[in-house]
C-alpha atoms as a PDB file:
ATOM      1  CA  MET A   1      12.281 101.639  80.799  1.00  0.00           C
ATOM      2  CA  ASP A   2      14.962 100.325  79.046  1.00  0.00           C
ATOM      3  CA  LEU A   3      19.173 100.221  81.480  1.00  0.00           C
ATOM      4  CA  SER A   4      20.351 103.247  79.340  1.00  0.00           C
ATOM      5  CA  ALA A   5      17.158 105.118  79.655  1.00  0.00           C
ATOM      6  CA  ILE A   6      18.021 104.765  82.742  1.00  0.00           C
ATOM      7  CA  ILE A   7      21.270 105.481  83.277  1.00  0.00           C
ATOM      8  CA  ARG A   8      20.718 108.239  80.584  1.00  0.00           C
ATOM      9  CA  ARG A   9      18.205 109.988  82.646  1.00  0.00           C
ATOM     10  CA  ALA A  10      20.183 109.499  86.095  1.00  0.00           C
ATOM     11  CA  ILE A  11      23.199 110.893  83.700  1.00  0.00           C
ATOM     12  CA  GLU A  12      21.556 113.688  82.977  1.00  0.00           C
ATOM     13  CA  ILE A  13      19.641 114.755  86.437  1.00  0.00           C
ATOM     14  CA  GLY A  14      22.987 114.236  87.959  1.00  0.00           C
ATOM     15  CA  ASP A  15      25.289 116.767  85.592  1.00  0.00           C
ATOM     16  CA  GLN A  16      22.589 119.143  86.050  1.00  0.00           C
ATOM     17  CA  TYR A  17      22.866 119.761  89.541  1.00  0.00           C
ATOM     18  CA  GLY A  18      26.017 117.615  90.126  1.00  0.00           C
ATOM     19  CA  PHE A  19      24.501 114.583  92.347  1.00  0.00           C
ATOM     20  CA  ILE A  20      21.189 113.072  91.985  1.00  0.00           C
ATOM     21  CA  THR A  21      19.294 111.567  94.759  1.00  0.00           C
ATOM     22  CA  PHE A  22      18.559 108.096  96.560  1.00  0.00           C
ATOM     23  CA  ASP A  23      14.996 109.074  95.790  1.00  0.00           C
ATOM     24  CA  GLN A  24      15.376 109.860  92.188  1.00  0.00           C
ATOM     25  CA  ILE A  25      17.451 106.531  92.006  1.00  0.00           C
ATOM     26  CA  ASP A  26      14.537 104.681  93.465  1.00  0.00           C
ATOM     27  CA  GLU A  27      11.599 106.759  91.200  1.00  0.00           C
ATOM     28  CA  LEU A  28      13.898 105.943  87.462  1.00  0.00           C
ATOM     29  CA  VAL A  29      13.970 101.707  89.370  1.00  0.00           C
ATOM     30  CA  PRO A  30      11.550  99.595  88.075  1.00  0.00           C
ATOM     31  CA  SER A  31      10.992  97.301  91.830  1.00  0.00           C
ATOM     32  CA  SER A  32       9.220  94.261  89.731  1.00  0.00           C
ATOM     33  CA  ALA A  33      12.289  91.736  89.635  1.00  0.00           C
ATOM     34  CA  ASP A  34      14.108  92.107  92.611  1.00  0.00           C
ATOM     35  CA  ARG A  35      17.097  90.358  90.721  1.00  0.00           C
ATOM     36  CA  LEU A  36      16.796  92.246  87.196  1.00  0.00           C
ATOM     37  CA  GLU A  37      16.868  95.611  89.896  1.00  0.00           C
ATOM     38  CA  ALA A  38      20.098  95.100  91.876  1.00  0.00           C
ATOM     39  CA  GLU A  39      21.552  94.991  88.522  1.00  0.00           C
ATOM     40  CA  ILE A  40      20.255  97.984  87.635  1.00  0.00           C
ATOM     41  CA  ILE A  41      20.880  99.687  90.578  1.00  0.00           C
ATOM     42  CA  GLU A  42      25.037  98.178  90.186  1.00  0.00           C
ATOM     43  CA  ALA A  43      25.571  99.347  86.188  1.00  0.00           C
ATOM     44  CA  LEU A  44      23.773 102.810  87.221  1.00  0.00           C
ATOM     45  CA  PHE A  45      26.036 103.866  90.141  1.00  0.00           C
ATOM     46  CA  GLU A  46      28.827 102.058  88.386  1.00  0.00           C
ATOM     47  CA  ALA A  47      28.162 105.200  85.224  1.00  0.00           C
ATOM     48  CA  LEU A  48      27.334 107.655  88.058  1.00  0.00           C
ATOM     49  CA  SER A  49      30.209 106.926  89.234  1.00  0.00           C
ATOM     50  CA  VAL A  50      32.115 106.763  86.097  1.00  0.00           C
ATOM     51  CA  ARG A  51      31.144 110.370  85.790  1.00  0.00           C
ATOM     52  CA  GLY A  52      31.999 111.715  88.412  1.00  0.00           C
ATOM     53  CA  ILE A  53      27.804 112.179  89.653  1.00  0.00           C
ATOM     54  CA  ASN A  54      27.788 111.352  93.610  1.00  0.00           C
ATOM     55  CA  VAL A  55      24.789 109.918  94.741  1.00  0.00           C
ATOM     56  CA  ARG A  56      22.903 111.350  98.627  1.00  0.00           C
ATOM     57  CA  GLU A  57      20.273 111.477 100.684  1.00  0.00           C
ATOM     58  CA  ALA A  58      17.676 113.695  99.415  1.00  0.00           C
END
């Protein structure tokens, strides 16, 4: 799954429930490369913040 697809899916989840959990994010983000993972997480949190979607514990 590419970055835009990950962000789009996270926003869909956040819009549906009003928030997204760290566990849900963990399921979306591939853990294949640490540097890439960090970049994805940073971009994902920025996109969620812009949309006003909170990230919570499960």
